[in-house]
Amino acid sequence: MHITLADNLVVQWGIQDNYEIVRKVGRGKYSEVFESIHLPTNAKCIVKVLKPVKKKKIKREIKILQNLAGGPNVVSLLDVVRDSQSKTPSIVTEYVNNVEFKTLYPKFTDFDVRFYMFELLKALDFCHSKGIMHRDVKPHNVMIDHEKRTLRLIDWGLAEFYHPGTEYNVRVASRYFKGPELLVDFQEYDYSLDMWSLGCMFASMIFRKEPFFHGHDNADQLVKITKVLGTDELFIYLERYEIDLDSQFDDILGRYPRKPWSRFITSENQRYISNEAIDFLDKLLRYDHQERLTAQESQEHPYFAPVREAAARQ
């Protein structure tokens, strides 16, 4: 078992009374999230109150946020506090004025989609370069302040340090964004898991179909993927990695041909579609995790040429 740096982290607890809760802005499986005020400075911030969970998991999240401090588009850790009575820990991060993605994404222009995808890739490239997989990339964890044109990747609660050859828990990520490797119980995955999740987000943005792969449970999620990428390709992938498919798939997995991306183009989503967009998507949504573009390679893709050119003019 690898000893991650998190195990020997000594947490420097801040003062809980410095924060006043304003309103609840979200809740997850592991936490409740509040917009708050840092009283000494009157600054807005976000306080994430963690539900009872292993100390090691809390330390891991804190350590990861510390390791990523100052990285592009990674939410900033401001403080860690705990309740003097219950000892419940809370993570304090910068405030982002986020608009619900279901409202925001339909307003995007073609350039906006390119711009924000590029911003998200910067965050992923940075965390991957620091040896960290996020493992829960999805719209809910990508905060966009469209007025300021800023993006932050949040919620590092499922993030983990990557060590080659390590077998990881496949019970990570949210269903619609789970890579095939998780769904077929392949534990030796890596950073490329995040690239599948990003591909799912991208597909839903350019095809205006949310979520893009809409499974009713984990098994059905794989079925939905095979109906697009094809079953023959799935079996080539399984054979390549000597993966045995769970018997639950015997009854639900039919035979499906690969569906060309052009089938998803409609009059409603056409403004987002270009040869570059389709090529980029095709290089992310691959069964074989080793075939997917990395975050670094993705930023060099022709799809982002307009974003790179605009940045160069700044």
C-alpha atoms as a PDB file:
ATOM      1  CA  MET A   1       0.000   0.000   0.000  1.00  0.00           C
ATOM      2  CA  HIS A   2       1.373   3.407  -0.954  1.00  0.00           C
ATOM      3  CA  ILE A   3       1.642   5.889   1.881  1.00  0.00           C
ATOM      4  CA  THR A   4       0.274   9.088   0.428  1.00  0.00           C
ATOM      5  CA  LEU A   5       1.534  12.354   1.805  1.00  0.00           C
ATOM      6  CA  ALA A   6      -1.878  12.841   3.377  1.00  0.00           C
ATOM      7  CA  ASP A   7      -1.344  10.341   6.182  1.00  0.00           C
ATOM      8  CA  ASN A   8       1.235  12.407   8.033  1.00  0.00           C
ATOM      9  CA  LEU A   9      -0.459  15.753   7.493  1.00  0.00           C
ATOM     10  CA  VAL A  10      -0.880  17.789  10.656  1.00  0.00           C
ATOM     11  CA  VAL A  11      -3.896  20.031  10.132  1.00  0.00           C
ATOM     12  CA  GLN A  12      -3.603  23.627  11.301  1.00  0.00           C
ATOM     13  CA  TRP A  13      -7.165  24.379  12.386  1.00  0.00           C
ATOM     14  CA  GLY A  14      -8.472  27.923  11.923  1.00  0.00           C
ATOM     15  CA  ILE A  15     -11.127  29.677  14.022  1.00  0.00           C
ATOM     16  CA  GLN A  16     -14.689  28.581  13.220  1.00  0.00           C
ATOM     17  CA  ASP A  17     -16.234  31.705  14.787  1.00  0.00           C
ATOM     18  CA  ASN A  18     -14.553  33.794  12.077  1.00  0.00           C
ATOM     19  CA  TYR A  19     -17.212  32.538   9.662  1.00  0.00           C
ATOM     20  CA  GLU A  20     -20.903  33.318   9.497  1.00  0.00           C
ATOM     21  CA  ILE A  21     -23.166  31.229   7.289  1.00  0.00           C
ATOM     22  CA  VAL A  22     -25.286  33.207   4.824  1.00  0.00           C
ATOM     23  CA  ARG A  23     -27.169  30.495   2.918  1.00  0.00           C
ATOM     24  CA  LYS A  24     -26.965  26.894   1.824  1.00  0.00           C
ATOM     25  CA  VAL A  25     -25.803  26.585  -1.771  1.00  0.00           C
ATOM     26  CA  GLY A  26     -25.512  22.837  -2.175  1.00  0.00           C
ATOM     27  CA  ARG A  27     -25.262  19.419  -0.661  1.00  0.00           C
ATOM     28  CA  GLY A  28     -23.524  16.237  -1.666  1.00  0.00           C
ATOM     29  CA  LYS A  29     -23.080  12.706  -0.438  1.00  0.00           C
ATOM     30  CA  TYR A  30     -20.169  13.813   1.736  1.00  0.00           C
ATOM     31  CA  SER A  31     -20.916  17.425   2.612  1.00  0.00           C
ATOM     32  CA  GLU A  32     -23.196  20.437   2.893  1.00  0.00           C
ATOM     33  CA  VAL A  33     -22.056  23.656   1.268  1.00  0.00           C
ATOM     34  CA  PHE A  34     -22.755  27.207   2.439  1.00  0.00           C
ATOM     35  CA  GLU A  35     -22.103  30.691   1.184  1.00  0.00           C
ATOM     36  CA  SER A  36     -20.485  32.412   4.155  1.00  0.00           C
ATOM     37  CA  ILE A  37     -18.839  35.611   5.316  1.00  0.00           C
ATOM     38  CA  HIS A  38     -15.325  35.771   6.764  1.00  0.00           C
ATOM     39  CA  LEU A  39     -16.148  38.258   9.535  1.00  0.00           C
ATOM     40  CA  PRO A  40     -12.658  39.765  10.073  1.00  0.00           C
ATOM     41  CA  THR A  41     -12.487  40.843   6.408  1.00  0.00           C
ATOM     42  CA  ASN A  42     -16.186  40.812   5.450  1.00  0.00           C
ATOM     43  CA  ALA A  43     -15.222  38.707   2.418  1.00  0.00           C
ATOM     44  CA  LYS A  44     -17.532  36.131   0.857  1.00  0.00           C
ATOM     45  CA  CYS A  45     -16.354  32.537   0.902  1.00  0.00           C
ATOM     46  CA  ILE A  46     -17.648  28.986   0.656  1.00  0.00           C
ATOM     47  CA  VAL A  47     -17.754  26.726   3.712  1.00  0.00           C
ATOM     48  CA  LYS A  48     -18.042  23.015   3.018  1.00  0.00           C
ATOM     49  CA  VAL A  49     -19.132  21.148   6.164  1.00  0.00           C
ATOM     50  CA  LEU A  50     -18.005  17.535   5.884  1.00  0.00           C
ATOM     51  CA  LYS A  51     -20.293  14.707   6.941  1.00  0.00           C
ATOM     52  CA  PRO A  52     -18.799  12.085   9.275  1.00  0.00           C
ATOM     53  CA  VAL A  53     -16.149  10.384   7.171  1.00  0.00           C
ATOM     54  CA  LYS A  54     -12.776   8.753   7.756  1.00  0.00           C
ATOM     55  CA  LYS A  55     -10.101  11.162   9.022  1.00  0.00           C
ATOM     56  CA  LYS A  56      -7.821   9.923   6.274  1.00  0.00           C
ATOM     57  CA  LYS A  57     -10.275  11.025   3.570  1.00  0.00           C
ATOM     58  CA  ILE A  58     -10.565  14.516   5.059  1.00  0.00           C
ATOM     59  CA  LYS A  59      -6.791  14.810   5.300  1.00  0.00           C
ATOM     60  CA  ARG A  60      -6.461  13.640   1.701  1.00  0.00           C
ATOM     61  CA  GLU A  61      -8.781  16.373   0.436  1.00  0.00           C
ATOM     62  CA  ILE A  62      -6.954  19.047   2.446  1.00  0.00           C
ATOM     63  CA  LYS A  63      -3.532  17.822   1.333  1.00  0.00           C
ATOM     64  CA  ILE A  64      -4.615  17.782  -2.308  1.00  0.00           C
ATOM     65  CA  LEU A  65      -5.977  21.346  -2.090  1.00  0.00           C
ATOM     66  CA  GLN A  66      -2.706  22.440  -0.465  1.00  0.00           C
ATOM     67  CA  ASN A  67      -0.659  20.725  -3.177  1.00  0.00           C
ATOM     68  CA  LEU A  68      -2.686  22.449  -5.883  1.00  0.00           C
ATOM     69  CA  ALA A  69      -2.595  25.919  -4.285  1.00  0.00           C
ATOM     70  CA  GLY A  70      -2.145  28.659  -6.867  1.00  0.00           C
ATOM     71  CA  GLY A  71      -2.794  26.346  -9.812  1.00  0.00           C
ATOM     72  CA  PRO A  72      -4.782  27.670 -12.767  1.00  0.00           C
ATOM     73  CA  ASN A  73      -8.556  27.438 -12.275  1.00  0.00           C
ATOM     74  CA  VAL A  74      -8.304  25.247  -9.177  1.00  0.00           C
ATOM     75  CA  VAL A  75     -10.527  26.462  -6.336  1.00  0.00           C
ATOM     76  CA  SER A  76      -8.393  28.115  -3.605  1.00  0.00           C
ATOM     77  CA  LEU A  77      -8.264  26.655  -0.108  1.00  0.00           C
ATOM     78  CA  LEU A  78      -8.553  29.511   2.398  1.00  0.00           C
ATOM     79  CA  ASP A  79      -8.905  27.750   5.741  1.00  0.00           C
ATOM     80  CA  VAL A  80      -9.816  24.541   7.547  1.00  0.00           C
ATOM     81  CA  VAL A  81     -11.917  24.827  10.702  1.00  0.00           C
ATOM     82  CA  ARG A  82     -13.769  22.498  13.038  1.00  0.00           C
ATOM     83  CA  ASP A  83     -16.628  22.784  15.474  1.00  0.00           C
ATOM     84  CA  SER A  84     -15.344  22.859  19.051  1.00  0.00           C
ATOM     85  CA  GLN A  85     -18.209  20.649  20.276  1.00  0.00           C
ATOM     86  CA  SER A  86     -18.835  18.099  17.508  1.00  0.00           C
ATOM     87  CA  LYS A  87     -15.326  18.266  15.987  1.00  0.00           C
ATOM     88  CA  THR A  88     -17.002  18.350  12.553  1.00  0.00           C
ATOM     89  CA  PRO A  89     -14.447  19.690  10.075  1.00  0.00           C
ATOM     90  CA  SER A  90     -15.168  22.280   7.400  1.00  0.00           C
ATOM     91  CA  ILE A  91     -13.148  23.306   4.372  1.00  0.00           C
ATOM     92  CA  VAL A  92     -13.217  27.010   3.481  1.00  0.00           C
ATOM     93  CA  THR A  93     -12.616  27.951  -0.155  1.00  0.00           C
ATOM     94  CA  GLU A  94     -12.853  31.062  -2.313  1.00  0.00           C
ATOM     95  CA  TYR A  95     -16.293  32.246  -3.391  1.00  0.00           C
ATOM     96  CA  VAL A  96     -17.304  31.765  -7.028  1.00  0.00           C
ATOM     97  CA  ASN A  97     -20.501  33.386  -8.285  1.00  0.00           C
ATOM     98  CA  ASN A  98     -21.723  30.334 -10.163  1.00  0.00           C
ATOM     99  CA  VAL A  99     -24.743  30.129 -12.451  1.00  0.00           C
ATOM    100  CA  GLU A 100     -26.506  26.750 -12.606  1.00  0.00           C
ATOM    101  CA  PHE A 101     -25.134  24.999 -15.714  1.00  0.00           C
ATOM    102  CA  LYS A 102     -28.591  24.046 -17.036  1.00  0.00           C
ATOM    103  CA  THR A 103     -29.338  27.774 -17.305  1.00  0.00           C
ATOM    104  CA  LEU A 104     -25.875  28.821 -18.427  1.00  0.00           C
ATOM    105  CA  TYR A 105     -24.748  26.286 -21.035  1.00  0.00           C
ATOM    106  CA  PRO A 106     -27.607  26.958 -23.503  1.00  0.00           C
ATOM    107  CA  LYS A 107     -26.510  30.621 -23.597  1.00  0.00           C
ATOM    108  CA  PHE A 108     -22.992  29.760 -24.712  1.00  0.00           C
ATOM    109  CA  THR A 109     -21.689  30.699 -28.133  1.00  0.00           C
ATOM    110  CA  ASP A 110     -19.400  28.330 -30.004  1.00  0.00           C
ATOM    111  CA  PHE A 111     -16.437  30.386 -28.778  1.00  0.00           C
ATOM    112  CA  ASP A 112     -17.676  30.215 -25.160  1.00  0.00           C
ATOM    113  CA  VAL A 113     -17.684  26.410 -25.275  1.00  0.00           C
ATOM    114  CA  ARG A 114     -14.124  26.408 -26.621  1.00  0.00           C
ATOM    115  CA  PHE A 115     -13.050  29.014 -24.071  1.00  0.00           C
ATOM    116  CA  TYR A 116     -14.420  27.261 -20.974  1.00  0.00           C
ATOM    117  CA  MET A 117     -13.305  23.808 -22.102  1.00  0.00           C
ATOM    118  CA  PHE A 118      -9.809  25.246 -22.490  1.00  0.00           C
ATOM    119  CA  GLU A 119      -9.987  26.746 -18.973  1.00  0.00           C
ATOM    120  CA  LEU A 120     -11.063  23.374 -17.557  1.00  0.00           C
ATOM    121  CA  LEU A 121      -8.203  21.656 -19.396  1.00  0.00           C
ATOM    122  CA  LYS A 122      -5.728  24.054 -17.736  1.00  0.00           C
ATOM    123  CA  ALA A 123      -6.941  22.907 -14.300  1.00  0.00           C
ATOM    124  CA  LEU A 124      -6.788  19.215 -15.259  1.00  0.00           C
ATOM    125  CA  ASP A 125      -3.376  19.550 -16.898  1.00  0.00           C
ATOM    126  CA  PHE A 126      -2.109  21.204 -13.719  1.00  0.00           C
ATOM    127  CA  CYS A 127      -3.519  18.646 -11.273  1.00  0.00           C
ATOM    128  CA  HIS A 128      -2.362  15.732 -13.447  1.00  0.00           C
ATOM    129  CA  SER A 129       1.127  17.274 -13.595  1.00  0.00           C
ATOM    130  CA  LYS A 130       1.078  17.288  -9.779  1.00  0.00           C
ATOM    131  CA  GLY A 131       0.228  13.573  -9.668  1.00  0.00           C
ATOM    132  CA  ILE A 132      -3.452  14.015  -8.816  1.00  0.00           C
ATOM    133  CA  MET A 133      -6.584  12.582 -10.472  1.00  0.00           C
ATOM    134  CA  HIS A 134      -9.790  14.531  -9.760  1.00  0.00           C
ATOM    135  CA  ARG A 135     -12.132  11.548 -10.337  1.00  0.00           C
ATOM    136  CA  ASP A 136     -15.373  13.557 -10.234  1.00  0.00           C
ATOM    137  CA  VAL A 137     -15.320  15.885 -13.234  1.00  0.00           C
ATOM    138  CA  LYS A 138     -18.898  16.960 -14.059  1.00  0.00           C
ATOM    139  CA  PRO A 139     -20.776  20.251 -14.570  1.00  0.00           C
ATOM    140  CA  HIS A 140     -21.735  20.501 -10.862  1.00  0.00           C
ATOM    141  CA  ASN A 141     -18.030  20.621 -10.004  1.00  0.00           C
ATOM    142  CA  VAL A 142     -17.127  23.222 -12.615  1.00  0.00           C
ATOM    143  CA  MET A 143     -18.054  26.668 -11.323  1.00  0.00           C
ATOM    144  CA  ILE A 144     -18.363  29.324 -13.996  1.00  0.00           C
ATOM    145  CA  ASP A 145     -18.767  33.053 -13.357  1.00  0.00           C
ATOM    146  CA  HIS A 146     -19.817  34.021 -16.867  1.00  0.00           C
ATOM    147  CA  GLU A 147     -19.705  37.769 -16.188  1.00  0.00           C
ATOM    148  CA  LYS A 148     -16.061  37.588 -15.168  1.00  0.00           C
ATOM    149  CA  ARG A 149     -15.404  34.698 -17.587  1.00  0.00           C
ATOM    150  CA  THR A 150     -13.724  32.685 -14.834  1.00  0.00           C
ATOM    151  CA  LEU A 151     -13.893  28.953 -14.173  1.00  0.00           C
ATOM    152  CA  ARG A 152     -12.958  26.922 -11.094  1.00  0.00           C
ATOM    153  CA  LEU A 153     -12.724  23.159 -10.684  1.00  0.00           C
ATOM    154  CA  ILE A 154     -14.125  22.406  -7.226  1.00  0.00           C
ATOM    155  CA  ASP A 155     -14.833  19.470  -4.902  1.00  0.00           C
ATOM    156  CA  TRP A 156     -11.609  17.532  -4.562  1.00  0.00           C
ATOM    157  CA  GLY A 157     -13.221  15.079  -2.125  1.00  0.00           C
ATOM    158  CA  LEU A 158     -12.827  12.110  -4.488  1.00  0.00           C
ATOM    159  CA  ALA A 159      -9.414  13.169  -5.808  1.00  0.00           C
ATOM    160  CA  GLU A 160      -6.490  10.802  -5.279  1.00  0.00           C
ATOM    161  CA  PHE A 161      -2.717  10.671  -5.687  1.00  0.00           C
ATOM    162  CA  TYR A 162      -1.761   8.580  -8.711  1.00  0.00           C
ATOM    163  CA  HIS A 163       0.870   5.853  -8.434  1.00  0.00           C
ATOM    164  CA  PRO A 164       1.468   3.753 -11.579  1.00  0.00           C
ATOM    165  CA  GLY A 165       0.317   0.163 -11.269  1.00  0.00           C
ATOM    166  CA  THR A 166      -1.938   0.860  -8.291  1.00  0.00           C
ATOM    167  CA  GLU A 167      -5.453  -0.588  -8.235  1.00  0.00           C
ATOM    168  CA  TYR A 168      -8.010   2.056  -7.317  1.00  0.00           C
ATOM    169  CA  ASN A 169     -11.610   1.954  -6.162  1.00  0.00           C
ATOM    170  CA  VAL A 170     -13.968   2.002  -9.157  1.00  0.00           C
ATOM    171  CA  ARG A 171     -16.763   3.532  -7.074  1.00  0.00           C
ATOM    172  CA  VAL A 172     -15.803   7.091  -8.003  1.00  0.00           C
ATOM    173  CA  ALA A 173     -17.220   9.770 -10.332  1.00  0.00           C
ATOM    174  CA  SER A 174     -20.909  10.345 -11.008  1.00  0.00           C
ATOM    175  CA  ARG A 175     -22.762   7.811 -13.135  1.00  0.00           C
ATOM    176  CA  TYR A 176     -23.132   9.810 -16.361  1.00  0.00           C
ATOM    177  CA  PHE A 177     -19.423  10.688 -16.297  1.00  0.00           C
ATOM    178  CA  LYS A 178     -17.964   7.302 -15.300  1.00  0.00           C
ATOM    179  CA  GLY A 179     -15.406   5.987 -17.772  1.00  0.00           C
ATOM    180  CA  PRO A 180     -15.805   2.471 -19.245  1.00  0.00           C
ATOM    181  CA  GLU A 181     -12.882   1.348 -17.063  1.00  0.00           C
ATOM    182  CA  LEU A 182     -14.978   1.972 -13.935  1.00  0.00           C
ATOM    183  CA  LEU A 183     -18.040   0.270 -15.401  1.00  0.00           C
ATOM    184  CA  VAL A 184     -16.139  -2.921 -16.307  1.00  0.00           C
ATOM    185  CA  ASP A 185     -14.344  -2.926 -12.953  1.00  0.00           C
ATOM    186  CA  PHE A 186     -10.841  -2.208 -14.297  1.00  0.00           C
ATOM    187  CA  GLN A 187      -9.005  -0.816 -11.280  1.00  0.00           C
ATOM    188  CA  GLU A 188      -5.651   0.120 -12.773  1.00  0.00           C
ATOM    189  CA  TYR A 189      -6.924   3.387 -14.218  1.00  0.00           C
ATOM    190  CA  ASP A 190      -5.161   6.749 -14.272  1.00  0.00           C
ATOM    191  CA  TYR A 191      -5.535  10.456 -15.168  1.00  0.00           C
ATOM    192  CA  SER A 192      -7.261   9.486 -18.425  1.00  0.00           C
ATOM    193  CA  LEU A 193     -10.419   8.795 -16.386  1.00  0.00           C
ATOM    194  CA  ASP A 194     -10.818  12.577 -16.032  1.00  0.00           C
ATOM    195  CA  MET A 195     -10.496  12.942 -19.802  1.00  0.00           C
ATOM    196  CA  TRP A 196     -13.464  10.618 -20.400  1.00  0.00           C
ATOM    197  CA  SER A 197     -15.539  12.685 -17.942  1.00  0.00           C
ATOM    198  CA  LEU A 198     -14.475  15.865 -19.719  1.00  0.00           C
ATOM    199  CA  GLY A 199     -15.454  14.231 -23.027  1.00  0.00           C
ATOM    200  CA  CYS A 200     -18.947  13.521 -21.653  1.00  0.00           C
ATOM    201  CA  MET A 201     -19.277  17.162 -20.601  1.00  0.00           C
ATOM    202  CA  PHE A 202     -18.052  18.338 -23.986  1.00  0.00           C
ATOM    203  CA  ALA A 203     -20.447  16.048 -25.882  1.00  0.00           C
ATOM    204  CA  SER A 204     -23.393  17.339 -23.842  1.00  0.00           C
ATOM    205  CA  MET A 205     -22.353  20.929 -24.579  1.00  0.00           C
ATOM    206  CA  ILE A 206     -21.881  20.628 -28.341  1.00  0.00           C
ATOM    207  CA  PHE A 207     -24.821  18.293 -28.958  1.00  0.00           C
ATOM    208  CA  ARG A 208     -27.086  20.027 -26.399  1.00  0.00           C
ATOM    209  CA  LYS A 209     -27.945  16.661 -24.877  1.00  0.00           C
ATOM    210  CA  GLU A 210     -27.710  16.531 -21.087  1.00  0.00           C
ATOM    211  CA  PRO A 211     -26.396  14.117 -19.958  1.00  0.00           C
ATOM    212  CA  PHE A 212     -24.906  12.678 -23.129  1.00  0.00           C
ATOM    213  CA  PHE A 213     -24.831   9.062 -21.870  1.00  0.00           C
ATOM    214  CA  HIS A 214     -27.999   8.677 -19.777  1.00  0.00           C
ATOM    215  CA  GLY A 215     -27.793   5.336 -17.948  1.00  0.00           C
ATOM    216  CA  HIS A 216     -30.367   4.354 -15.318  1.00  0.00           C
ATOM    217  CA  ASP A 217     -27.763   2.485 -13.256  1.00  0.00           C
ATOM    218  CA  ASN A 218     -24.072   1.611 -13.640  1.00  0.00           C
ATOM    219  CA  ALA A 219     -24.716  -1.445 -15.830  1.00  0.00           C
ATOM    220  CA  ASP A 220     -27.115   0.477 -18.072  1.00  0.00           C
ATOM    221  CA  GLN A 221     -24.528   3.270 -18.266  1.00  0.00           C
ATOM    222  CA  LEU A 222     -22.160   0.915 -20.104  1.00  0.00           C
ATOM    223  CA  VAL A 223     -25.017  -0.180 -22.384  1.00  0.00           C
ATOM    224  CA  LYS A 224     -25.703   3.476 -23.272  1.00  0.00           C
ATOM    225  CA  ILE A 225     -22.009   3.949 -24.121  1.00  0.00           C
ATOM    226  CA  THR A 226     -21.919   0.820 -26.316  1.00  0.00           C
ATOM    227  CA  LYS A 227     -24.941   2.094 -28.261  1.00  0.00           C
ATOM    228  CA  VAL A 228     -22.747   4.993 -29.386  1.00  0.00           C
ATOM    229  CA  LEU A 229     -19.221   3.533 -29.516  1.00  0.00           C
ATOM    230  CA  GLY A 230     -20.303   0.041 -30.583  1.00  0.00           C
ATOM    231  CA  THR A 231     -20.022  -3.382 -28.936  1.00  0.00           C
ATOM    232  CA  ASP A 232     -17.286  -4.750 -31.229  1.00  0.00           C
ATOM    233  CA  GLU A 233     -14.955  -1.982 -30.050  1.00  0.00           C
ATOM    234  CA  LEU A 234     -15.867  -2.736 -26.422  1.00  0.00           C
ATOM    235  CA  PHE A 235     -14.840  -6.379 -26.818  1.00  0.00           C
ATOM    236  CA  ILE A 236     -11.549  -5.403 -28.469  1.00  0.00           C
ATOM    237  CA  TYR A 237     -10.850  -3.206 -25.427  1.00  0.00           C
ATOM    238  CA  LEU A 238     -11.797  -5.938 -22.930  1.00  0.00           C
ATOM    239  CA  GLU A 239      -9.545  -8.422 -24.708  1.00  0.00           C
ATOM    240  CA  ARG A 240      -6.629  -5.972 -24.825  1.00  0.00           C
ATOM    241  CA  TYR A 241      -6.666  -5.614 -21.029  1.00  0.00           C
ATOM    242  CA  GLU A 242      -7.805  -9.174 -20.279  1.00  0.00           C
ATOM    243  CA  ILE A 243     -10.943  -7.878 -18.566  1.00  0.00           C
ATOM    244  CA  ASP A 244     -13.759 -10.310 -17.762  1.00  0.00           C
ATOM    245  CA  LEU A 245     -17.181  -8.729 -18.057  1.00  0.00           C
ATOM    246  CA  ASP A 246     -19.548  -9.296 -15.121  1.00  0.00           C
ATOM    247  CA  SER A 247     -22.267 -11.866 -15.889  1.00  0.00           C
ATOM    248  CA  GLN A 248     -24.947  -9.207 -15.255  1.00  0.00           C
ATOM    249  CA  PHE A 249     -24.119  -7.880 -18.745  1.00  0.00           C
ATOM    250  CA  ASP A 250     -24.984 -11.199 -20.466  1.00  0.00           C
ATOM    251  CA  ASP A 251     -28.680 -10.322 -20.612  1.00  0.00           C
ATOM    252  CA  ILE A 252     -28.513  -6.560 -21.156  1.00  0.00           C
ATOM    253  CA  LEU A 253     -25.668  -6.115 -23.638  1.00  0.00           C
ATOM    254  CA  GLY A 254     -26.850  -6.595 -27.210  1.00  0.00           C
ATOM    255  CA  ARG A 255     -24.803  -6.031 -30.345  1.00  0.00           C
ATOM    256  CA  TYR A 256     -24.634  -2.444 -31.480  1.00  0.00           C
ATOM    257  CA  PRO A 257     -22.720  -0.897 -34.358  1.00  0.00           C
ATOM    258  CA  ARG A 258     -20.700   2.249 -33.826  1.00  0.00           C
ATOM    259  CA  LYS A 259     -22.876   5.345 -34.294  1.00  0.00           C
ATOM    260  CA  PRO A 260     -21.239   8.138 -36.301  1.00  0.00           C
ATOM    261  CA  TRP A 261     -21.007  11.460 -34.444  1.00  0.00           C
ATOM    262  CA  SER A 262     -22.836  13.136 -37.342  1.00  0.00           C
ATOM    263  CA  ARG A 263     -26.033  11.363 -36.207  1.00  0.00           C
ATOM    264  CA  PHE A 264     -26.205  13.675 -33.195  1.00  0.00           C
ATOM    265  CA  ILE A 265     -26.170  16.908 -35.201  1.00  0.00           C
ATOM    266  CA  THR A 266     -29.481  18.807 -35.239  1.00  0.00           C
ATOM    267  CA  SER A 267     -30.586  22.303 -36.247  1.00  0.00           C
ATOM    268  CA  GLU A 268     -30.516  23.209 -32.529  1.00  0.00           C
ATOM    269  CA  ASN A 269     -26.876  22.277 -31.932  1.00  0.00           C
ATOM    270  CA  GLN A 270     -25.356  22.933 -35.347  1.00  0.00           C
ATOM    271  CA  ARG A 271     -23.733  26.213 -34.287  1.00  0.00           C
ATOM    272  CA  TYR A 272     -21.375  24.290 -31.974  1.00  0.00           C
ATOM    273  CA  ILE A 273     -20.367  21.688 -34.546  1.00  0.00           C
ATOM    274  CA  SER A 274     -17.221  21.806 -36.659  1.00  0.00           C
ATOM    275  CA  ASN A 275     -14.801  19.208 -37.966  1.00  0.00           C
ATOM    276  CA  GLU A 276     -12.411  20.228 -35.184  1.00  0.00           C
ATOM    277  CA  ALA A 277     -15.078  19.807 -32.482  1.00  0.00           C
ATOM    278  CA  ILE A 278     -15.967  16.312 -33.709  1.00  0.00           C
ATOM    279  CA  ASP A 279     -12.304  15.330 -34.026  1.00  0.00           C
ATOM    280  CA  PHE A 280     -11.559  16.526 -30.484  1.00  0.00           C
ATOM    281  CA  LEU A 281     -14.571  14.668 -29.072  1.00  0.00           C
ATOM    282  CA  ASP A 282     -13.635  11.510 -30.940  1.00  0.00           C
ATOM    283  CA  LYS A 283     -10.164  11.586 -29.380  1.00  0.00           C
ATOM    284  CA  LEU A 284     -11.596  11.811 -25.843  1.00  0.00           C
ATOM    285  CA  LEU A 285     -14.456   9.306 -25.912  1.00  0.00           C
ATOM    286  CA  ARG A 286     -12.393   6.172 -26.469  1.00  0.00           C
ATOM    287  CA  TYR A 287     -12.953   2.901 -24.599  1.00  0.00           C
ATOM    288  CA  ASP A 288      -9.207   2.417 -24.273  1.00  0.00           C
ATOM    289  CA  HIS A 289      -8.037   4.952 -21.704  1.00  0.00           C
ATOM    290  CA  GLN A 290      -4.535   4.898 -23.209  1.00  0.00           C
ATOM    291  CA  GLU A 291      -5.907   6.183 -26.526  1.00  0.00           C
ATOM    292  CA  ARG A 292      -7.524   9.307 -25.061  1.00  0.00           C
ATOM    293  CA  LEU A 293      -5.843  12.660 -25.456  1.00  0.00           C
ATOM    294  CA  THR A 294      -4.157  13.933 -22.300  1.00  0.00           C
ATOM    295  CA  ALA A 295      -5.098  17.335 -20.869  1.00  0.00           C
ATOM    296  CA  GLN A 296      -1.807  18.706 -22.180  1.00  0.00           C
ATOM    297  CA  GLU A 297      -2.315  17.294 -25.699  1.00  0.00           C
ATOM    298  CA  SER A 298      -5.908  18.547 -25.711  1.00  0.00           C
ATOM    299  CA  GLN A 299      -4.817  22.165 -25.288  1.00  0.00           C
ATOM    300  CA  GLU A 300      -2.793  21.843 -28.504  1.00  0.00           C
ATOM    301  CA  HIS A 301      -5.793  20.556 -30.501  1.00  0.00           C
ATOM    302  CA  PRO A 302      -6.881  22.676 -33.515  1.00  0.00           C
ATOM    303  CA  TYR A 303     -10.331  23.071 -31.897  1.00  0.00           C
ATOM    304  CA  PHE A 304      -8.733  25.498 -29.433  1.00  0.00           C
ATOM    305  CA  ALA A 305      -6.842  27.549 -32.044  1.00  0.00           C
ATOM    306  CA  PRO A 306      -9.329  30.466 -31.754  1.00  0.00           C
ATOM    307  CA  VAL A 307      -8.884  30.493 -27.960  1.00  0.00           C
ATOM    308  CA  ARG A 308      -5.098  30.393 -28.194  1.00  0.00           C
ATOM    309  CA  GLU A 309      -5.152  33.181 -30.795  1.00  0.00           C
ATOM    310  CA  ALA A 310      -7.449  35.371 -28.671  1.00  0.00           C
ATOM    311  CA  ALA A 311      -5.172  34.863 -25.643  1.00  0.00           C
ATOM    312  CA  ALA A 312      -2.112  35.802 -27.716  1.00  0.00           C
ATOM    313  CA  ARG A 313      -3.812  39.080 -28.711  1.00  0.00           C
ATOM    314  CA  GLN A 314      -4.535  40.022 -25.082  1.00  0.00           C
END
